[in-house]
Amino acid sequence: MDPEAVAPSVDWADTLAVDDYEPPRFERDEDRRRAAIGFFRRLG
């Protein structure tokens, strides 16, 4: 079976742009703690 016939094609070069990804920089432990709490609050 041809996968192109089953699902729409995806332009992976535009979809997975990980080369430009820059991880967040935290200077203090408190910044890390706030980011983690904010993340888990968004998850619900």
C-alpha atoms as a PDB file:
ATOM      1  CA  MET A   1       0.000   0.000   0.000  1.00  0.00           C
ATOM      2  CA  ASP A   2       1.243   3.476  -0.860  1.00  0.00           C
ATOM      3  CA  PRO A   3       1.354   5.739   2.252  1.00  0.00           C
ATOM      4  CA  GLU A   4       0.991   8.854   0.075  1.00  0.00           C
ATOM      5  CA  ALA A   5      -2.447   7.631  -1.029  1.00  0.00           C
ATOM      6  CA  VAL A   6      -3.672   7.142   2.559  1.00  0.00           C
ATOM      7  CA  ALA A   7      -2.637  10.381   4.271  1.00  0.00           C
ATOM      8  CA  PRO A   8      -1.931  13.896   3.028  1.00  0.00           C
ATOM      9  CA  SER A   9       1.698  14.652   2.395  1.00  0.00           C
ATOM     10  CA  VAL A  10       3.601  16.559   5.058  1.00  0.00           C
ATOM     11  CA  ASP A  11       6.429  18.955   4.326  1.00  0.00           C
ATOM     12  CA  TRP A  12       8.745  17.741   7.092  1.00  0.00           C
ATOM     13  CA  ALA A  13      11.336  20.454   6.485  1.00  0.00           C
ATOM     14  CA  ASP A  14       8.805  23.105   7.535  1.00  0.00           C
ATOM     15  CA  THR A  15       7.045  20.984  10.141  1.00  0.00           C
ATOM     16  CA  LEU A  16      10.041  19.857  12.183  1.00  0.00           C
ATOM     17  CA  ALA A  17      12.195  22.956  12.371  1.00  0.00           C
ATOM     18  CA  VAL A  18      14.392  21.770  15.240  1.00  0.00           C
ATOM     19  CA  ASP A  19      17.598  23.333  13.961  1.00  0.00           C
ATOM     20  CA  ASP A  20      16.450  26.776  15.092  1.00  0.00           C
ATOM     21  CA  TYR A  21      15.194  25.553  18.483  1.00  0.00           C
ATOM     22  CA  GLU A  22      16.807  27.235  21.432  1.00  0.00           C
ATOM     23  CA  PRO A  23      16.106  25.752  24.875  1.00  0.00           C
ATOM     24  CA  PRO A  24      14.881  28.152  27.541  1.00  0.00           C
ATOM     25  CA  ARG A  25      17.572  29.614  29.731  1.00  0.00           C
ATOM     26  CA  PHE A  26      16.997  29.860  33.448  1.00  0.00           C
ATOM     27  CA  GLU A  27      19.319  31.818  35.643  1.00  0.00           C
ATOM     28  CA  ARG A  28      17.866  30.883  39.005  1.00  0.00           C
ATOM     29  CA  ASP A  29      16.250  27.803  40.506  1.00  0.00           C
ATOM     30  CA  GLU A  30      13.142  29.876  41.169  1.00  0.00           C
ATOM     31  CA  ASP A  31      12.791  30.526  37.426  1.00  0.00           C
ATOM     32  CA  ARG A  32      12.941  26.790  36.735  1.00  0.00           C
ATOM     33  CA  ARG A  33      10.381  26.098  39.453  1.00  0.00           C
ATOM     34  CA  ARG A  34       7.951  28.701  38.083  1.00  0.00           C
ATOM     35  CA  ALA A  35       8.311  27.359  34.538  1.00  0.00           C
ATOM     36  CA  ALA A  36       7.634  23.787  35.710  1.00  0.00           C
ATOM     37  CA  ILE A  37       4.582  24.826  37.745  1.00  0.00           C
ATOM     38  CA  GLY A  38       3.243  26.836  34.802  1.00  0.00           C
ATOM     39  CA  PHE A  39       3.735  23.885  32.481  1.00  0.00           C
ATOM     40  CA  PHE A  40       1.840  21.448  34.711  1.00  0.00           C
ATOM     41  CA  ARG A  41      -0.959  23.967  35.309  1.00  0.00           C
ATOM     42  CA  ARG A  42      -1.473  24.221  31.542  1.00  0.00           C
ATOM     43  CA  LEU A  43      -1.764  20.437  31.359  1.00  0.00           C
ATOM     44  CA  GLY A  44      -4.607  20.577  33.832  1.00  0.00           C
END
